[in-house]
């Protein structure tokens, strides 16, 4: 028997302002979850009692933080609460799971909630007595470029950009233009961690983090939360929410392929092929093409990842991202507005509340 394939709609959203970790001493993860969750419920115009299940994403915290976040801020109704930890795609994974519950007919109304209370500075491993889950990814980088005295994440993505420059002649200025654009976009987003516009020269001359990657091309760690209420078509109609419901036309999640580890490529190692496959599945499911899309939010943990993602999404041919950037086709007045929120680079990157690196979503008005 074929699985159910019900239509799924977003009927309410909410988020906190993303902030530098520790800026507000009394702003713990339950407070973040309460603010984002209550905003989403108010936007949906439904009570918490209408929520049938919840998928809660976070990376840094003890087991069952999702329960603690919901119990004493939104309600104690006995619903299933599923905790999700999937590194930088945690927020997207919580949404992915919530959508599957509605799409499969297992629930009519589900809350996807994500939050993160982070430490300042670069991400680091917490468990040194066991195998690091990134060890095989790091082997690819080590075999191609070796290891430098710099944080691991900017090295991984920085080396992907370095490979792109070697292969296609991309310039450091192309990566800097992405960060310049995202910082400029963030001035329109009151929820963004940073809302300051910089010149291209300021981006290029900011503190070096790794090779050509400068500080203003790297996302910060952040505190914050986001939430979305998902509902079935029947729920939308019964509650008279047709005027505000936004359908998720397609959503795909892909994990690493053999090419990630077998081609001695840092571009492949940071997720090019899985992004390409996710996008292909999304476009095939909807009958749409990249030219049919107007606005794109993508995973710009570093400017290098945004650049190679242009090509993985099919916005241009491989090796042509630099030309796309030079034409201004990634901002207002161009073909697409990419990361109008300011992206992770400027908006901030609380892992549980963000993350699109393994997913592709297409949404449209009802």
Protein backbone atom coordinates (compact mmCIF):
# COMPACT_ATOMS: atom_id res chain seq x y z
CA UNK A 1 0.00 0.00 0.00
CA UNK A 2 1.37 3.39 -0.98
CA UNK A 3 2.15 5.75 1.90
CA UNK A 4 -0.16 8.69 2.54
CA UNK A 5 0.86 11.91 0.83
CA UNK A 6 -1.26 14.59 2.46
CA UNK A 7 -0.70 18.28 1.81
CA UNK A 8 1.15 20.08 4.60
CA UNK A 9 0.82 23.76 5.48
CA UNK A 10 2.68 26.18 7.72
CA UNK A 11 0.04 28.10 9.67
CA UNK A 12 2.15 29.94 12.20
CA UNK A 13 5.77 30.92 12.84
CA UNK A 14 7.71 32.61 15.61
CA UNK A 15 11.29 33.30 16.61
CA UNK A 16 13.43 35.16 19.08
CA UNK A 17 16.07 37.66 18.14
CA UNK A 18 19.35 35.79 17.62
CA UNK A 19 21.99 37.05 20.02
CA UNK A 20 25.62 36.64 20.99
CA UNK A 21 25.84 33.82 23.56
CA UNK A 22 25.46 35.06 27.12
CA UNK A 23 24.31 38.59 26.28
CA UNK A 24 21.21 38.04 28.42
CA UNK A 25 22.09 36.18 31.63
CA UNK A 26 18.50 35.17 32.36
CA UNK A 27 17.72 34.01 28.82
CA UNK A 28 17.95 30.22 29.11
CA UNK A 29 16.68 27.71 26.55
CA UNK A 30 13.21 27.32 28.17
CA UNK A 31 12.78 31.10 27.87
CA UNK A 32 13.80 31.01 24.22
CA UNK A 33 11.41 28.12 23.51
CA UNK A 34 8.58 29.88 25.28
CA UNK A 35 9.00 33.08 23.28
CA UNK A 36 9.28 31.37 19.89
CA UNK A 37 6.56 28.80 20.64
CA UNK A 38 4.04 31.31 21.93
CA UNK A 39 4.65 33.58 18.96
CA UNK A 40 4.06 30.68 16.55
CA UNK A 41 0.83 29.67 18.29
CA UNK A 42 -0.39 33.27 18.34
CA UNK A 43 0.45 33.62 14.64
CA UNK A 44 -1.52 30.44 13.93
CA UNK A 45 -4.37 31.63 16.18
CA UNK A 46 -4.65 28.24 17.86
CA UNK A 47 -4.11 27.07 21.47
CA UNK A 48 -1.33 24.71 22.49
CA UNK A 49 -4.02 22.09 23.16
CA UNK A 50 -4.46 21.78 19.38
CA UNK A 51 -0.88 20.52 18.98
CA UNK A 52 -0.82 16.72 18.66
CA UNK A 53 2.95 16.12 18.54
CA UNK A 54 6.12 18.17 18.80
CA UNK A 55 9.57 17.78 17.23
CA UNK A 56 12.20 19.75 19.13
CA UNK A 57 15.71 20.39 17.87
CA UNK A 58 18.84 21.30 19.83
CA UNK A 59 22.49 20.20 19.83
CA UNK A 60 24.05 21.48 23.04
CA UNK A 61 22.18 20.21 26.08
CA UNK A 62 21.30 17.17 28.12
CA UNK A 63 18.78 14.58 27.04
CA UNK A 64 15.09 15.63 27.03
CA UNK A 65 15.70 19.39 26.94
CA UNK A 66 12.78 19.42 24.51
CA UNK A 67 10.40 18.22 27.20
CA UNK A 68 11.69 20.76 29.72
CA UNK A 69 11.40 23.54 27.16
CA UNK A 70 7.75 22.76 26.37
CA UNK A 71 6.37 21.51 29.71
CA UNK A 72 6.59 24.72 31.71
CA UNK A 73 6.34 27.26 28.92
CA UNK A 74 3.70 25.97 26.51
CA UNK A 75 1.79 23.20 28.26
CA UNK A 76 1.56 19.74 29.80
CA UNK A 77 -0.83 17.87 27.54
CA UNK A 78 0.93 14.50 27.35
CA UNK A 79 1.71 14.68 23.63
CA UNK A 80 4.70 12.87 22.11
CA UNK A 81 7.77 15.14 22.15
CA UNK A 82 10.61 13.97 19.91
CA UNK A 83 14.09 15.40 20.49
CA UNK A 84 16.24 15.99 17.40
CA UNK A 85 20.04 16.44 17.26
CA UNK A 86 21.50 16.68 13.76
CA UNK A 87 24.29 19.23 14.04
CA UNK A 88 23.93 22.21 11.71
CA UNK A 89 20.76 20.85 10.08
CA UNK A 90 18.97 20.27 13.40
CA UNK A 91 16.27 22.90 12.89
CA UNK A 92 15.51 21.68 9.38
CA UNK A 93 15.42 18.08 10.59
CA UNK A 94 12.83 18.93 13.25
CA UNK A 95 10.71 20.55 10.54
CA UNK A 96 11.29 17.57 8.24
CA UNK A 97 10.05 15.15 10.90
CA UNK A 98 7.05 17.33 11.75
CA UNK A 99 6.08 17.50 8.09
CA UNK A 100 6.33 13.73 7.73
CA UNK A 101 3.93 13.25 10.63
CA UNK A 102 1.31 15.41 8.94
CA UNK A 103 2.06 14.19 5.42
CA UNK A 104 1.71 10.58 6.54
CA UNK A 105 -1.61 11.18 8.24
CA UNK A 106 -0.29 10.48 11.74
CA UNK A 107 -1.18 13.93 13.04
CA UNK A 108 -3.17 16.96 11.94
CA UNK A 109 -1.22 19.63 13.78
CA UNK A 110 2.45 19.44 14.81
CA UNK A 111 4.85 21.91 16.38
CA UNK A 112 8.42 22.11 15.08
CA UNK A 113 10.56 23.92 17.64
CA UNK A 114 14.30 24.56 17.74
CA UNK A 115 16.55 26.37 20.17
CA UNK A 116 20.20 26.66 21.11
CA UNK A 117 22.14 28.11 24.02
CA UNK A 118 25.71 28.16 22.77
CA UNK A 119 29.20 28.94 23.97
CA UNK A 120 31.23 31.78 22.53
CA UNK A 121 33.94 31.01 20.00
CA UNK A 122 34.42 28.25 17.44
CA UNK A 123 32.62 24.93 17.75
CA UNK A 124 34.58 22.11 19.31
CA UNK A 125 34.10 18.44 20.11
CA UNK A 126 32.61 17.66 23.53
CA UNK A 127 33.47 13.97 23.85
CA UNK A 128 37.14 13.13 23.55
CA UNK A 129 36.87 9.48 24.69
CA UNK A 130 35.09 8.17 21.56
CA UNK A 131 35.21 8.29 17.76
CA UNK A 132 34.58 11.75 16.36
CA UNK A 133 31.68 11.57 13.87
CA UNK A 134 33.60 13.85 11.50
CA UNK A 135 36.79 11.78 11.44
CA UNK A 136 36.29 10.43 7.91
CA UNK A 137 35.37 13.87 6.57
CA UNK A 138 38.54 15.28 8.11
CA UNK A 139 40.58 12.52 6.45
CA UNK A 140 39.50 13.82 3.04
CA UNK A 141 40.68 17.32 3.91
CA UNK A 142 43.93 16.08 5.45
CA UNK A 143 44.73 14.03 2.36
CA UNK A 144 44.23 17.02 0.09
CA UNK A 145 45.39 20.05 2.04
CA UNK A 146 46.66 18.91 5.41
CA UNK A 147 45.78 20.49 8.75
CA UNK A 148 46.49 24.10 9.73
CA UNK A 149 46.50 25.75 13.18
CA UNK A 150 42.94 27.04 12.79
CA UNK A 151 39.45 25.88 13.86
CA UNK A 152 38.27 22.80 11.98
CA UNK A 153 35.02 24.13 10.52
CA UNK A 154 36.47 27.14 8.68
CA UNK A 155 39.24 24.88 7.40
CA UNK A 156 36.76 22.37 5.98
CA UNK A 157 34.63 24.94 4.18
CA UNK A 158 37.56 27.22 3.46
CA UNK A 159 39.31 24.37 1.68
CA UNK A 160 36.19 23.70 -0.36
CA UNK A 161 36.41 27.29 -1.56
CA UNK A 162 40.15 26.92 -2.07
CA UNK A 163 39.49 23.93 -4.33
CA UNK A 164 36.91 25.96 -6.24
CA UNK A 165 39.47 28.72 -6.83
CA UNK A 166 42.06 26.21 -8.04
CA UNK A 167 39.59 24.44 -10.32
CA UNK A 168 37.60 27.35 -11.74
CA UNK A 169 39.61 30.51 -11.14
CA UNK A 170 37.23 31.92 -8.53
CA UNK A 171 38.68 34.91 -6.65
CA UNK A 172 38.71 35.76 -2.92
CA UNK A 173 36.60 38.79 -3.82
CA UNK A 174 33.74 36.52 -4.88
CA UNK A 175 33.49 35.02 -1.42
CA UNK A 176 33.79 38.46 0.18
CA UNK A 177 30.98 39.78 -2.02
CA UNK A 178 28.67 37.11 -0.59
CA UNK A 179 29.40 38.21 2.98
CA UNK A 180 29.05 41.88 1.98
CA UNK A 181 25.64 41.09 0.50
CA UNK A 182 24.44 39.12 3.52
CA UNK A 183 25.50 41.78 6.01
CA UNK A 184 23.68 44.36 3.90
CA UNK A 185 20.53 42.21 3.83
CA UNK A 186 20.58 41.84 7.61
CA UNK A 187 19.96 45.56 8.13
CA UNK A 188 16.32 44.82 7.18
CA UNK A 189 15.94 41.99 9.72
CA UNK A 190 15.22 43.07 13.31
CA UNK A 191 15.81 39.50 14.51
CA UNK A 192 19.35 39.37 13.11
CA UNK A 193 22.28 39.06 15.51
CA UNK A 194 24.22 41.63 13.48
CA UNK A 195 22.56 44.49 11.64
CA UNK A 196 25.55 46.43 10.42
CA UNK A 197 26.47 47.07 6.81
CA UNK A 198 30.13 46.84 5.76
CA UNK A 199 32.05 47.84 2.67
CA UNK A 200 33.58 45.12 0.54
CA UNK A 201 37.01 46.30 1.63
CA UNK A 202 36.04 45.98 5.30
CA UNK A 203 34.99 42.38 4.67
CA UNK A 204 38.26 41.61 2.90
CA UNK A 205 40.37 43.32 5.56
CA UNK A 206 38.62 41.93 8.65
CA UNK A 207 40.60 39.49 10.80
CA UNK A 208 41.83 36.44 8.92
CA UNK A 209 40.35 33.16 10.15
CA UNK A 210 41.67 30.72 7.54
CA UNK A 211 43.34 31.42 4.20
CA UNK A 212 41.07 33.89 2.35
CA UNK A 213 38.19 33.50 4.86
CA UNK A 214 37.95 36.54 7.11
CA UNK A 215 35.89 37.02 10.24
CA UNK A 216 33.04 38.78 8.43
CA UNK A 217 32.69 35.76 6.13
CA UNK A 218 32.09 33.34 9.01
CA UNK A 219 28.84 32.77 10.91
CA UNK A 220 28.88 33.42 14.66
CA UNK A 221 27.68 31.17 17.46
CA UNK A 222 24.32 32.36 18.73
CA UNK A 223 21.55 31.99 21.28
CA UNK A 224 18.03 31.84 19.92
CA UNK A 225 14.95 29.84 19.01
CA UNK A 226 12.47 29.41 16.19
CA UNK A 227 9.16 27.60 15.82
CA UNK A 228 6.64 26.64 13.15
CA UNK A 229 3.17 25.13 13.40
CA UNK A 230 2.39 22.64 10.64
CA UNK A 231 -1.11 21.44 9.80
CA UNK A 232 -3.04 19.21 7.42
CA UNK A 233 -5.40 20.58 4.79
CA UNK A 234 -8.35 19.31 6.82
CA UNK A 235 -7.14 21.18 9.91
CA UNK A 236 -6.63 24.34 7.90
CA UNK A 237 -10.16 24.22 6.51
CA UNK A 238 -11.83 23.30 9.83
CA UNK A 239 -10.16 26.25 11.55
CA UNK A 240 -10.68 28.73 8.70
CA UNK A 241 -6.97 29.31 8.20
CA UNK A 242 -6.89 29.23 4.40
CA UNK A 243 -5.96 32.91 4.21
CA UNK A 244 -2.70 32.40 6.07
CA UNK A 245 -1.68 28.83 5.26
CA UNK A 246 1.53 28.42 3.24
CA UNK A 247 1.97 24.99 1.69
CA UNK A 248 5.29 23.14 1.80
CA UNK A 249 5.26 21.93 -1.79
CA UNK A 250 8.31 19.73 -1.37
CA UNK A 251 10.96 18.97 1.22
CA UNK A 252 13.84 16.54 0.83
CA UNK A 253 16.60 15.41 3.15
CA UNK A 254 19.73 13.68 1.87
CA UNK A 255 22.77 12.41 3.74
CA UNK A 256 26.31 11.76 2.54
CA UNK A 257 26.98 9.73 -0.57
CA UNK A 258 30.05 7.65 -1.43
CA UNK A 259 31.42 10.60 -3.41
CA UNK A 260 31.79 12.54 -0.16
CA UNK A 261 34.69 10.31 0.82
CA UNK A 262 35.98 8.74 -2.40
CA UNK A 263 36.82 11.65 -4.70
CA UNK A 264 39.47 13.48 -2.65
CA UNK A 265 37.38 16.63 -2.99
CA UNK A 266 36.69 19.12 -0.23
CA UNK A 267 33.78 20.46 -2.27
CA UNK A 268 32.20 17.01 -2.18
CA UNK A 269 33.27 16.50 1.45
CA UNK A 270 31.27 19.50 2.70
CA UNK A 271 28.09 18.29 1.01
CA UNK A 272 27.92 19.36 -2.63
CA UNK A 273 26.47 16.12 -3.97
CA UNK A 274 23.87 15.65 -1.26
CA UNK A 275 22.71 19.25 -1.74
CA UNK A 276 22.52 18.67 -5.49
CA UNK A 277 20.46 15.50 -4.99
CA UNK A 278 18.08 17.15 -2.50
CA UNK A 279 17.49 20.05 -4.88
CA UNK A 280 16.94 17.70 -7.83
CA UNK A 281 14.33 15.74 -5.87
CA UNK A 282 12.55 18.92 -4.79
CA UNK A 283 12.34 20.34 -8.27
CA UNK A 284 11.21 17.00 -9.74
CA UNK A 285 8.48 16.63 -7.11
CA UNK A 286 7.02 20.05 -7.91
CA UNK A 287 7.69 20.33 -11.63
CA UNK A 288 9.50 23.59 -10.96
CA UNK A 289 12.95 24.81 -12.00
CA UNK A 290 15.44 27.15 -10.34
CA UNK A 291 14.24 29.99 -12.59
CA UNK A 292 10.76 29.63 -11.06
CA UNK A 293 12.09 30.49 -7.60
CA UNK A 294 12.36 34.10 -6.42
CA UNK A 295 13.74 33.88 -2.87
CA UNK A 296 16.27 31.41 -1.46
CA UNK A 297 17.51 30.87 2.09
CA UNK A 298 20.54 28.59 2.09
CA UNK A 299 23.24 27.41 4.47
CA UNK A 300 25.96 30.07 4.50
CA UNK A 301 27.89 28.95 7.57
CA UNK A 302 30.83 30.38 5.62
CA UNK A 303 30.80 32.40 2.42
CA UNK A 304 32.45 29.47 0.63
CA UNK A 305 29.49 27.21 1.32
CA UNK A 306 27.03 29.73 -0.11
CA UNK A 307 29.06 29.98 -3.31
CA UNK A 308 29.29 26.26 -3.97
CA UNK A 309 25.62 25.84 -3.03
CA UNK A 310 24.63 28.14 -5.90
CA UNK A 311 25.98 25.50 -8.24
CA UNK A 312 24.56 22.54 -6.32
CA UNK A 313 21.08 24.09 -6.48
CA UNK A 314 21.38 24.51 -10.23
CA UNK A 315 21.35 28.30 -10.19
CA UNK A 316 24.33 28.20 -12.55
CA UNK A 317 26.68 25.69 -14.12
CA UNK A 318 29.61 24.28 -12.16
CA UNK A 319 32.38 26.83 -11.97
CA UNK A 320 30.12 29.76 -12.87
CA UNK A 321 29.14 30.95 -9.38
CA UNK A 322 31.65 33.78 -9.57
CA UNK A 323 29.95 35.13 -12.68
CA UNK A 324 26.53 34.87 -10.99
CA UNK A 325 27.88 36.94 -8.09
CA UNK A 326 29.48 39.54 -10.36
CA UNK A 327 26.13 40.00 -12.16
CA UNK A 328 24.35 40.64 -8.86
CA UNK A 329 21.99 37.72 -9.42
CA UNK A 330 22.02 36.84 -5.72
CA UNK A 331 20.40 40.01 -4.37
CA UNK A 332 17.63 42.52 -5.00
CA UNK A 333 17.39 43.43 -8.66
CA UNK A 334 18.94 40.13 -9.78
CA UNK A 335 17.48 36.73 -10.63
CA UNK A 336 17.18 35.64 -7.00
CA UNK A 337 17.23 37.23 -3.57
CA UNK A 338 19.46 34.85 -1.62
CA UNK A 339 19.51 34.96 2.18
CA UNK A 340 17.40 38.13 2.60
CA UNK A 341 17.45 37.39 6.35
CA UNK A 342 21.17 38.13 6.40
CA UNK A 343 21.97 34.44 6.32
CA UNK A 344 23.81 32.60 9.05
CA UNK A 345 26.77 34.94 8.51
CA UNK A 346 24.87 37.94 9.84
CA UNK A 347 21.57 36.65 11.24
CA UNK A 348 23.39 34.14 13.46
CA UNK A 349 23.50 30.36 13.72
CA UNK A 350 21.88 28.82 16.81
CA UNK A 351 22.05 25.25 15.50
CA UNK A 352 18.68 23.99 16.71
CA UNK A 353 16.84 26.98 15.29
CA UNK A 354 18.53 27.05 11.86
CA UNK A 355 20.18 24.84 9.29
CA UNK A 356 19.42 23.91 5.67
CA UNK A 357 22.62 22.18 4.68
CA UNK A 358 21.16 18.76 3.84
CA UNK A 359 17.70 19.84 2.85
CA UNK A 360 15.77 21.55 0.11
CA UNK A 361 12.30 23.03 0.67
CA UNK A 362 9.91 24.66 -1.76
CA UNK A 363 6.93 26.54 -0.39
CA UNK A 364 4.05 28.41 -1.96
CA UNK A 365 0.89 30.29 -1.08
CA UNK A 366 -2.26 28.27 -0.83
